[in-house]
């Protein structure tokens, strides 16, 4: 008998029943499907001032739970109109952030499973599917066998190329002597490398002066001869070259560093070579772009982002190492509460040793969904359509007497400027973006203002790129 004088034990919150969850899930998928169907009709950039979104939200959280219908209504009225529409087919501003229905559903299943894949033992499928799908990806892209899991190396999914590069910096640092040798270590990359490389070097404990910025050639690729001279000069000063970061597909111009020659310079002094191909790497699913892999059989690590141009939603960065031992030696810390029989046996991979965070999401599911849903033929068709559309746009730019190419065409990236100089180029950028039909960003090359057109959105077709060319004709 219950004692009426005893307080009732506290109960948990009211969760959705299976039927309520099913109904809410159907409503959410319907909303996403409608959103994607109409995304081309939305403004690419929201017309908002800083603070507008917060001003539309209640100042305090609700004390009593609200209905899911009310929540979804607010997504529709408050959130969706206030995001930059990265999935708009006229979004050319940054390298794309691809998404696709199979990828979204893979992410949903990952969230539903709710696993934390830090160790093999915390979810065997999370680890083994990741190993397997990254071997699939290596095969699809024609990567060297040294990056497959049946050797000393293999692949792992990071959140971004920034994190992948940081792991390479840490492994290279520690392979070259670690903290004791740190003051004498030097890292090299070109002035066109992504800004994340400098940040990674600083996070790893290097001073800014320890990052050597290598000059580039007339096409904005690293000058390997200049690299060799800088390495020789540092050696003569008693310093230790520990890492060279090459880029295949730079952000500003799509330039491709001469990886084979860079690897030759680095191997002569025992320096780690990391290749950042965050954007361009996806194009290697097409055999006609296998030249982007030149020299990769001689590097230590390589990264590219399926979330940029391979129909997989953010975040999903494929990071490959030729030998995982230096990476694990740098990043593995094993407190007693993480010890288990499987890990101690040495027969499994614990991916927490291949990254900076301990925790990790089941990212492999969405990549698996994408690769199975589209197949390599579908992925190649996606890349080829964009490369062809960008080539047509470049032809239109060359044919326009008021415009000129600012860098060689690189896959889906077209860099251009107005022949009348920077002010005219800036005005053209503003005029194009003001139409609401397209969104571009800019960079600077040789200290001149340049418009970037990154063709690669999931829903972007040749028709949208042709329309952008028409805008250039009308507004230049």
Protein backbone atom coordinates (compact mmCIF):
# COMPACT_ATOMS: atom_id res chain seq x y z
CA UNK A 1 0.00 0.00 0.00
CA UNK A 2 1.25 3.46 -0.87
CA UNK A 3 1.88 5.69 2.12
CA UNK A 4 -0.22 8.86 1.51
CA UNK A 5 2.29 10.83 3.56
CA UNK A 6 5.18 9.95 1.22
CA UNK A 7 5.72 12.25 -1.78
CA UNK A 8 5.41 10.67 -5.20
CA UNK A 9 8.62 9.84 -6.95
CA UNK A 10 9.37 12.37 -9.69
CA UNK A 11 8.58 11.25 -13.21
CA UNK A 12 10.31 12.19 -16.43
CA UNK A 13 8.92 14.49 -19.09
CA UNK A 14 6.21 13.48 -21.50
CA UNK A 15 7.87 12.10 -24.61
CA UNK A 16 6.23 11.75 -27.99
CA UNK A 17 4.51 8.42 -28.42
CA UNK A 18 5.59 6.37 -31.44
CA UNK A 19 2.48 7.50 -33.30
CA UNK A 20 3.07 11.16 -32.39
CA UNK A 21 6.70 10.88 -33.46
CA UNK A 22 5.66 9.26 -36.73
CA UNK A 23 3.20 12.08 -37.47
CA UNK A 24 5.74 14.77 -36.57
CA UNK A 25 8.37 13.05 -38.71
CA UNK A 26 6.04 12.91 -41.69
CA UNK A 27 5.24 16.60 -41.24
CA UNK A 28 8.94 17.47 -41.04
CA UNK A 29 9.86 15.54 -44.18
CA UNK A 30 6.92 17.11 -45.99
CA UNK A 31 8.15 20.54 -44.90
CA UNK A 32 11.70 19.85 -46.11
CA UNK A 33 10.42 18.50 -49.43
CA UNK A 34 8.30 21.62 -49.93
CA UNK A 35 11.19 23.84 -48.91
CA UNK A 36 13.56 22.28 -51.44
CA UNK A 37 10.90 22.36 -54.15
CA UNK A 38 10.49 26.10 -53.65
CA UNK A 39 14.01 27.14 -52.68
CA UNK A 40 14.66 28.72 -56.08
CA UNK A 41 11.82 31.16 -55.41
CA UNK A 42 13.24 32.38 -52.11
CA UNK A 43 15.62 35.34 -51.76
CA UNK A 44 19.17 34.03 -51.60
CA UNK A 45 20.21 36.54 -48.95
CA UNK A 46 17.73 37.52 -46.22
CA UNK A 47 16.92 41.21 -45.94
CA UNK A 48 17.69 41.48 -42.23
CA UNK A 49 19.60 43.67 -39.84
CA UNK A 50 21.74 42.23 -37.04
CA UNK A 51 19.50 41.26 -34.13
CA UNK A 52 16.30 40.86 -36.17
CA UNK A 53 16.11 37.10 -35.66
CA UNK A 54 16.62 37.29 -31.91
CA UNK A 55 14.07 40.06 -31.65
CA UNK A 56 11.49 37.71 -33.19
CA UNK A 57 12.03 35.08 -30.47
CA UNK A 58 10.63 34.99 -26.92
CA UNK A 59 13.12 36.31 -24.35
CA UNK A 60 12.76 33.23 -22.09
CA UNK A 61 12.23 29.53 -22.77
CA UNK A 62 8.75 28.06 -22.31
CA UNK A 63 8.06 26.36 -18.99
CA UNK A 64 5.46 24.07 -20.55
CA UNK A 65 6.17 22.19 -23.73
CA UNK A 66 4.57 23.47 -26.91
CA UNK A 67 3.02 21.54 -29.75
CA UNK A 68 5.22 20.31 -32.59
CA UNK A 69 2.92 22.05 -35.07
CA UNK A 70 3.71 25.38 -33.42
CA UNK A 71 7.42 24.63 -33.58
CA UNK A 72 7.32 23.73 -37.27
CA UNK A 73 5.23 26.84 -37.99
CA UNK A 74 7.97 28.97 -36.43
CA UNK A 75 10.62 27.23 -38.50
CA UNK A 76 8.59 28.16 -41.55
CA UNK A 77 7.92 31.76 -40.57
CA UNK A 78 10.98 32.76 -38.50
CA UNK A 79 13.92 30.52 -39.40
CA UNK A 80 13.71 29.54 -43.07
CA UNK A 81 13.29 33.12 -44.32
CA UNK A 82 16.25 34.23 -42.20
CA UNK A 83 18.89 31.82 -43.50
CA UNK A 84 21.21 32.36 -46.44
CA UNK A 85 19.88 29.93 -49.02
CA UNK A 86 22.93 27.78 -49.73
CA UNK A 87 20.72 25.32 -51.65
CA UNK A 88 19.43 28.00 -54.03
CA UNK A 89 20.48 27.15 -57.60
CA UNK A 90 21.76 30.71 -58.03
CA UNK A 91 24.12 30.46 -55.05
CA UNK A 92 27.61 30.76 -56.55
CA UNK A 93 29.28 32.68 -53.74
CA UNK A 94 31.38 30.11 -51.93
CA UNK A 95 32.34 26.58 -52.77
CA UNK A 96 29.05 24.70 -52.56
CA UNK A 97 27.60 23.04 -49.48
CA UNK A 98 25.91 20.15 -51.22
CA UNK A 99 22.93 18.40 -49.75
CA UNK A 100 20.59 15.82 -51.23
CA UNK A 101 17.50 13.91 -50.12
CA UNK A 102 19.38 10.62 -49.50
CA UNK A 103 21.97 12.47 -47.43
CA UNK A 104 19.32 14.24 -45.36
CA UNK A 105 17.64 10.90 -44.66
CA UNK A 106 20.97 9.33 -43.73
CA UNK A 107 21.52 12.15 -41.25
CA UNK A 108 18.04 11.52 -39.86
CA UNK A 109 18.78 7.83 -39.32
CA UNK A 110 22.07 8.75 -37.64
CA UNK A 111 20.24 11.08 -35.27
CA UNK A 112 17.61 8.44 -34.58
CA UNK A 113 20.19 5.80 -33.71
CA UNK A 114 21.84 8.31 -31.39
CA UNK A 115 25.18 6.52 -31.12
CA UNK A 116 28.47 7.99 -29.95
CA UNK A 117 31.13 6.31 -32.06
CA UNK A 118 34.28 7.22 -30.16
CA UNK A 119 35.35 3.58 -29.86
CA UNK A 120 34.67 0.44 -31.86
CA UNK A 121 33.03 -0.99 -28.76
CA UNK A 122 30.64 1.95 -28.43
CA UNK A 123 29.12 1.07 -31.80
CA UNK A 124 30.81 -1.48 -34.07
CA UNK A 125 28.69 -0.53 -37.07
CA UNK A 126 29.62 3.14 -36.73
CA UNK A 127 33.31 2.29 -36.97
CA UNK A 128 33.23 -0.50 -39.53
CA UNK A 129 30.83 1.24 -41.92
CA UNK A 130 33.08 4.30 -41.82
CA UNK A 131 36.15 2.24 -42.64
CA UNK A 132 34.31 0.48 -45.45
CA UNK A 133 32.66 3.51 -47.04
CA UNK A 134 35.96 5.41 -47.04
CA UNK A 135 37.56 2.49 -48.87
CA UNK A 136 34.66 2.73 -51.34
CA UNK A 137 35.31 6.44 -51.71
CA UNK A 138 39.03 5.86 -52.24
CA UNK A 139 38.22 3.38 -55.00
CA UNK A 140 35.65 5.66 -56.61
CA UNK A 141 38.13 8.54 -56.69
CA UNK A 142 41.13 6.47 -57.79
CA UNK A 143 43.18 7.27 -54.69
CA UNK A 144 46.48 5.42 -54.21
CA UNK A 145 46.25 2.06 -52.45
CA UNK A 146 48.31 3.46 -49.55
CA UNK A 147 45.15 5.21 -48.32
CA UNK A 148 43.09 2.02 -48.07
CA UNK A 149 42.39 0.37 -44.73
CA UNK A 150 44.01 -2.96 -45.64
CA UNK A 151 47.46 -1.40 -45.14
CA UNK A 152 48.99 0.71 -42.38
CA UNK A 153 46.86 3.72 -43.34
CA UNK A 154 43.22 4.38 -44.10
CA UNK A 155 40.50 6.97 -43.95
CA UNK A 156 38.41 8.71 -41.33
CA UNK A 157 35.60 11.26 -41.52
CA UNK A 158 36.37 14.62 -39.92
CA UNK A 159 33.97 17.53 -39.52
CA UNK A 160 35.90 19.74 -41.94
CA UNK A 161 39.15 20.03 -43.86
CA UNK A 162 40.29 22.46 -41.18
CA UNK A 163 40.18 19.67 -38.59
CA UNK A 164 41.79 17.20 -40.99
CA UNK A 165 44.67 19.60 -41.61
CA UNK A 166 45.07 20.18 -37.88
CA UNK A 167 45.48 16.43 -37.38
CA UNK A 168 48.17 16.41 -40.08
CA UNK A 169 49.96 19.34 -38.41
CA UNK A 170 49.92 17.57 -35.04
CA UNK A 171 51.16 14.27 -36.45
CA UNK A 172 53.92 16.02 -38.41
CA UNK A 173 54.96 18.07 -35.37
CA UNK A 174 55.25 15.05 -33.11
CA UNK A 175 56.95 12.87 -35.69
CA UNK A 176 59.60 15.58 -35.94
CA UNK A 177 60.34 15.69 -32.21
CA UNK A 178 57.24 17.21 -30.62
CA UNK A 179 57.39 19.84 -27.91
CA UNK A 180 61.12 19.52 -27.28
CA UNK A 181 61.97 20.23 -30.91
CA UNK A 182 59.10 22.66 -31.53
CA UNK A 183 61.08 25.94 -31.55
CA UNK A 184 63.22 24.66 -34.43
CA UNK A 185 60.40 23.20 -36.54
CA UNK A 186 59.16 24.91 -39.69
CA UNK A 187 55.97 24.50 -41.76
CA UNK A 188 55.56 25.54 -45.40
CA UNK A 189 52.55 26.39 -47.51
CA UNK A 190 51.74 28.86 -50.27
CA UNK A 191 50.21 32.28 -49.91
CA UNK A 192 47.12 30.89 -51.67
CA UNK A 193 46.51 28.12 -49.12
CA UNK A 194 43.32 28.22 -47.11
CA UNK A 195 43.42 30.40 -43.99
CA UNK A 196 42.70 27.32 -41.87
CA UNK A 197 46.28 26.16 -42.39
CA UNK A 198 47.64 29.20 -40.55
CA UNK A 199 45.06 28.72 -37.80
CA UNK A 200 45.93 25.03 -37.46
CA UNK A 201 49.62 25.84 -37.15
CA UNK A 202 48.90 28.34 -34.38
CA UNK A 203 46.57 25.92 -32.57
CA UNK A 204 49.34 23.31 -32.69
CA UNK A 205 51.61 25.64 -30.74
CA UNK A 206 53.79 27.08 -33.49
CA UNK A 207 54.56 30.77 -33.67
CA UNK A 208 53.54 32.72 -36.75
CA UNK A 209 57.18 33.05 -37.76
CA UNK A 210 57.42 29.26 -37.99
CA UNK A 211 55.01 29.17 -40.93
CA UNK A 212 56.89 29.84 -44.15
CA UNK A 213 54.77 31.33 -46.94
CA UNK A 214 56.03 30.03 -50.26
CA UNK A 215 55.64 32.24 -53.36
CA UNK A 216 53.34 31.18 -56.20
CA UNK A 217 53.77 31.09 -59.94
CA UNK A 218 51.82 33.01 -62.59
CA UNK A 219 48.85 30.64 -62.19
CA UNK A 220 48.83 31.02 -58.38
CA UNK A 221 50.22 27.53 -57.69
CA UNK A 222 53.07 26.97 -55.24
CA UNK A 223 56.51 27.53 -56.74
CA UNK A 224 58.26 24.27 -55.85
CA UNK A 225 61.69 25.66 -56.71
CA UNK A 226 61.10 28.50 -54.27
CA UNK A 227 60.05 25.91 -51.69
CA UNK A 228 63.32 24.03 -52.22
CA UNK A 229 65.34 27.20 -51.71
CA UNK A 230 63.47 28.06 -48.51
CA UNK A 231 63.95 24.55 -47.15
CA UNK A 232 67.67 24.66 -47.94
CA UNK A 233 68.01 28.04 -46.24
CA UNK A 234 66.29 26.77 -43.10
CA UNK A 235 68.45 23.65 -43.02
CA UNK A 236 71.53 25.84 -43.27
CA UNK A 237 70.27 27.75 -40.22
CA UNK A 238 69.93 24.54 -38.23
CA UNK A 239 66.12 24.45 -38.47
CA UNK A 240 63.94 21.39 -39.12
CA UNK A 241 61.37 21.34 -41.96
CA UNK A 242 58.58 19.17 -40.55
CA UNK A 243 55.56 19.75 -42.80
CA UNK A 244 54.62 21.02 -46.25
CA UNK A 245 50.93 21.65 -46.98
CA UNK A 246 50.03 21.60 -50.67
CA UNK A 247 46.67 22.65 -52.07
CA UNK A 248 44.81 21.06 -54.95
CA UNK A 249 42.14 23.61 -55.84
CA UNK A 250 42.85 26.81 -53.92
CA UNK A 251 39.95 28.88 -52.64
CA UNK A 252 40.74 32.08 -54.48
CA UNK A 253 41.54 30.70 -57.93
CA UNK A 254 41.31 26.91 -57.96
CA UNK A 255 45.07 26.62 -58.49
CA UNK A 256 46.68 23.18 -58.25
CA UNK A 257 50.05 22.97 -56.51
CA UNK A 258 52.66 20.65 -58.11
CA UNK A 259 52.30 17.88 -55.56
CA UNK A 260 54.80 15.46 -57.11
CA UNK A 261 57.59 18.04 -57.12
CA UNK A 262 56.64 19.23 -53.62
CA UNK A 263 56.77 15.66 -52.34
CA UNK A 264 60.23 15.29 -53.87
CA UNK A 265 61.48 18.34 -51.99
CA UNK A 266 59.86 17.25 -48.74
CA UNK A 267 60.99 13.63 -48.86
CA UNK A 268 64.62 14.71 -49.20
CA UNK A 269 64.41 16.24 -45.71
CA UNK A 270 61.89 13.87 -44.12
CA UNK A 271 59.05 16.40 -43.92
CA UNK A 272 55.42 15.30 -43.79
CA UNK A 273 53.35 16.25 -46.86
CA UNK A 274 49.65 17.00 -46.44
CA UNK A 275 47.41 17.76 -49.42
CA UNK A 276 44.31 19.90 -48.89
CA UNK A 277 41.87 19.23 -51.73
CA UNK A 278 38.75 20.20 -49.84
CA UNK A 279 36.80 21.37 -52.88
CA UNK A 280 38.48 19.90 -55.96
CA UNK A 281 38.95 16.39 -54.58
CA UNK A 282 35.35 15.44 -55.35
CA UNK A 283 36.04 15.88 -59.06
CA UNK A 284 38.36 12.88 -59.03
CA UNK A 285 35.34 10.56 -59.17
CA UNK A 286 35.59 11.42 -62.87
CA UNK A 287 38.55 9.63 -64.50
CA UNK A 288 39.17 12.62 -66.75
CA UNK A 289 40.24 14.58 -63.65
CA UNK A 290 42.71 11.98 -62.38
CA UNK A 291 45.53 14.46 -63.02
CA UNK A 292 44.48 16.07 -59.73
CA UNK A 293 45.95 12.99 -58.04
CA UNK A 294 49.43 13.39 -59.51
CA UNK A 295 52.02 12.85 -56.79
CA UNK A 296 49.50 11.64 -54.23
CA UNK A 297 51.27 8.29 -54.02
CA UNK A 298 54.14 10.07 -52.24
CA UNK A 299 52.28 12.12 -49.62
CA UNK A 300 51.49 11.33 -46.01
CA UNK A 301 47.94 12.63 -45.77
CA UNK A 302 45.13 13.90 -47.97
CA UNK A 303 41.74 15.47 -47.34
CA UNK A 304 38.70 16.43 -49.36
CA UNK A 305 35.12 17.29 -48.51
CA UNK A 306 32.20 15.27 -49.91
CA UNK A 307 30.06 17.93 -48.23
CA UNK A 308 31.28 20.48 -50.75
CA UNK A 309 30.60 18.84 -54.11
CA UNK A 310 29.56 15.23 -53.67
CA UNK A 311 25.90 15.52 -52.66
CA UNK A 312 26.58 14.91 -48.96
CA UNK A 313 25.40 17.50 -46.49
CA UNK A 314 27.74 19.22 -44.06
CA UNK A 315 29.69 17.99 -42.16
CA UNK A 316 31.67 15.27 -43.91
CA UNK A 317 35.40 15.62 -44.65
CA UNK A 318 37.33 12.54 -45.82
CA UNK A 319 40.82 12.45 -44.29
CA UNK A 320 43.28 9.80 -45.42
CA UNK A 321 46.67 8.87 -44.03
CA UNK A 322 49.30 6.58 -45.52
CA UNK A 323 50.30 5.44 -42.04
CA UNK A 324 48.01 5.89 -39.06
CA UNK A 325 50.67 5.17 -36.46
CA UNK A 326 52.06 8.74 -36.20
CA UNK A 327 48.52 10.11 -36.02
CA UNK A 328 47.53 7.80 -33.17
CA UNK A 329 50.84 8.40 -31.42
CA UNK A 330 50.06 12.13 -31.40
CA UNK A 331 46.39 11.96 -30.46
CA UNK A 332 45.81 8.80 -28.41
CA UNK A 333 45.20 9.16 -24.68
CA UNK A 334 43.67 6.15 -22.92
CA UNK A 335 42.23 6.73 -19.44
CA UNK A 336 41.06 3.62 -17.63
CA UNK A 337 37.38 4.39 -18.21
CA UNK A 338 37.90 4.01 -21.98
CA UNK A 339 39.78 0.71 -21.78
CA UNK A 340 37.99 -2.34 -23.13
CA UNK A 341 38.82 -5.80 -24.42
CA UNK A 342 38.34 -4.98 -28.10
CA UNK A 343 40.66 -1.96 -28.00
CA UNK A 344 43.26 -3.81 -25.93
CA UNK A 345 43.28 -6.63 -28.48
CA UNK A 346 44.58 -4.31 -31.19
CA UNK A 347 42.12 -5.85 -33.67
CA UNK A 348 39.86 -2.81 -34.04
CA UNK A 349 40.13 0.83 -35.03
CA UNK A 350 39.18 3.41 -32.41
CA UNK A 351 38.64 6.56 -34.45
CA UNK A 352 38.84 8.78 -31.39
CA UNK A 353 42.62 8.32 -31.87
CA UNK A 354 42.38 9.79 -35.38
CA UNK A 355 40.87 13.15 -34.41
CA UNK A 356 41.03 15.90 -31.79
CA UNK A 357 37.62 15.44 -30.09
CA UNK A 358 36.77 12.29 -28.19
CA UNK A 359 33.16 12.10 -29.33
CA UNK A 360 32.10 11.45 -32.89
CA UNK A 361 28.86 11.27 -34.82
CA UNK A 362 27.78 8.51 -37.21
CA UNK A 363 28.66 10.58 -40.29
CA UNK A 364 29.35 7.55 -42.47
CA UNK A 365 25.64 6.79 -42.75
CA UNK A 366 24.86 9.80 -44.94
CA UNK A 367 27.84 9.17 -47.19
CA UNK A 368 26.77 5.52 -47.48
CA UNK A 369 23.22 6.60 -48.36
CA UNK A 370 24.57 8.96 -51.04
CA UNK A 371 26.95 6.48 -52.64
CA UNK A 372 24.31 3.75 -52.75
CA UNK A 373 21.54 6.07 -53.97
CA UNK A 374 23.47 7.77 -56.80
CA UNK A 375 26.19 5.24 -57.58
CA UNK A 376 29.47 6.34 -59.08
CA UNK A 377 27.69 7.06 -62.39
CA UNK A 378 25.36 9.55 -60.70
CA UNK A 379 28.17 11.25 -58.81
CA UNK A 380 30.15 11.61 -62.03
CA UNK A 381 27.15 13.07 -63.83
CA UNK A 382 26.79 15.64 -61.03
CA UNK A 383 30.40 16.80 -61.38
CA UNK A 384 30.47 16.70 -65.17
CA UNK A 385 27.35 18.83 -65.56
CA UNK A 386 28.87 21.58 -63.41
CA UNK A 387 32.29 21.47 -65.07
CA UNK A 388 30.66 21.78 -68.48
CA UNK A 389 28.45 24.68 -67.35
CA UNK A 390 31.45 26.51 -65.89
CA UNK A 391 33.36 26.07 -69.15
CA UNK A 392 30.46 27.62 -71.06
CA UNK A 393 30.38 30.53 -68.61
CA UNK A 394 34.12 31.06 -69.08
CA UNK A 395 33.58 31.20 -72.84
CA UNK A 396 30.87 33.80 -72.34
CA UNK A 397 33.21 35.87 -70.16
CA UNK A 398 35.97 35.73 -72.78
CA UNK A 399 33.50 36.80 -75.45
CA UNK A 400 32.38 39.85 -73.43
CA UNK A 401 34.64 42.83 -74.27
CA UNK A 402 33.96 44.37 -70.85
CA UNK A 403 35.13 41.32 -68.90
CA UNK A 404 38.25 39.23 -68.62
CA UNK A 405 39.25 36.00 -66.90
CA UNK A 406 41.29 36.69 -63.76
CA UNK A 407 42.68 33.15 -63.46
CA UNK A 408 42.61 29.99 -65.55
CA UNK A 409 39.32 28.10 -65.48
CA UNK A 410 39.47 25.45 -62.74
CA UNK A 411 36.78 22.77 -62.84
CA UNK A 412 33.64 24.58 -61.67
CA UNK A 413 35.34 27.80 -60.57
CA UNK A 414 35.32 30.87 -62.82
CA UNK A 415 37.27 33.95 -61.73
CA UNK A 416 36.67 37.18 -63.62
CA UNK A 417 36.93 40.94 -63.40
CA UNK A 418 35.82 44.04 -65.25
CA UNK A 419 38.36 45.45 -67.69
CA UNK A 420 37.78 48.95 -66.27
CA UNK A 421 39.35 48.03 -62.92
CA UNK A 422 38.44 47.38 -59.31
CA UNK A 423 35.64 49.92 -58.92
CA UNK A 424 33.86 48.56 -61.97
CA UNK A 425 34.35 45.00 -60.73
CA UNK A 426 32.96 45.86 -57.30
CA UNK A 427 30.00 47.58 -58.89
CA UNK A 428 29.31 44.55 -61.08
CA UNK A 429 29.36 42.26 -58.05
CA UNK A 430 26.91 44.49 -56.19
CA UNK A 431 24.63 44.76 -59.23
CA UNK A 432 24.51 41.00 -59.81
CA UNK A 433 23.79 40.28 -56.15
CA UNK A 434 21.08 42.95 -56.03
CA UNK A 435 19.04 41.10 -58.67
CA UNK A 436 18.27 38.32 -56.20
CA UNK A 437 18.80 35.77 -58.97
CA UNK A 438 22.42 35.02 -58.13
CA UNK A 439 24.88 35.49 -55.32
CA UNK A 440 28.63 35.86 -55.83
CA UNK A 441 31.59 36.65 -53.57
CA UNK A 442 34.97 38.14 -54.32
CA UNK A 443 38.65 37.61 -53.65
CA UNK A 444 41.85 39.40 -54.56
CA UNK A 445 44.51 38.09 -56.93
CA UNK A 446 47.65 40.15 -57.48
CA UNK A 447 45.91 42.71 -55.26
CA UNK A 448 43.11 43.16 -57.82
CA UNK A 449 39.40 42.69 -57.09
CA UNK A 450 38.08 39.45 -58.56
CA UNK A 451 34.57 37.99 -58.79
CA UNK A 452 34.34 34.26 -57.98
CA UNK A 453 31.68 32.04 -59.53
CA UNK A 454 31.65 28.61 -57.90
CA UNK A 455 29.37 26.32 -59.91
CA UNK A 456 28.45 23.24 -57.92
CA UNK A 457 25.14 23.48 -56.07
CA UNK A 458 22.99 20.38 -55.88
CA UNK A 459 20.14 22.03 -57.76
CA UNK A 460 22.25 24.25 -60.05
CA UNK A 461 21.92 23.46 -63.75
CA UNK A 462 23.34 24.86 -66.97
CA UNK A 463 20.21 27.01 -67.25
CA UNK A 464 21.05 28.84 -64.02
CA UNK A 465 24.65 29.37 -65.12
CA UNK A 466 23.50 30.67 -68.52
CA UNK A 467 21.22 33.12 -66.71
CA UNK A 468 24.22 34.38 -64.74
CA UNK A 469 26.09 34.92 -68.01
CA UNK A 470 23.11 36.94 -69.27
CA UNK A 471 23.31 39.10 -66.14
CA UNK A 472 26.98 39.75 -66.82
CA UNK A 473 26.12 40.80 -70.36
CA UNK A 474 23.38 43.13 -69.15
CA UNK A 475 25.20 44.66 -66.16
CA UNK A 476 28.91 44.78 -67.02
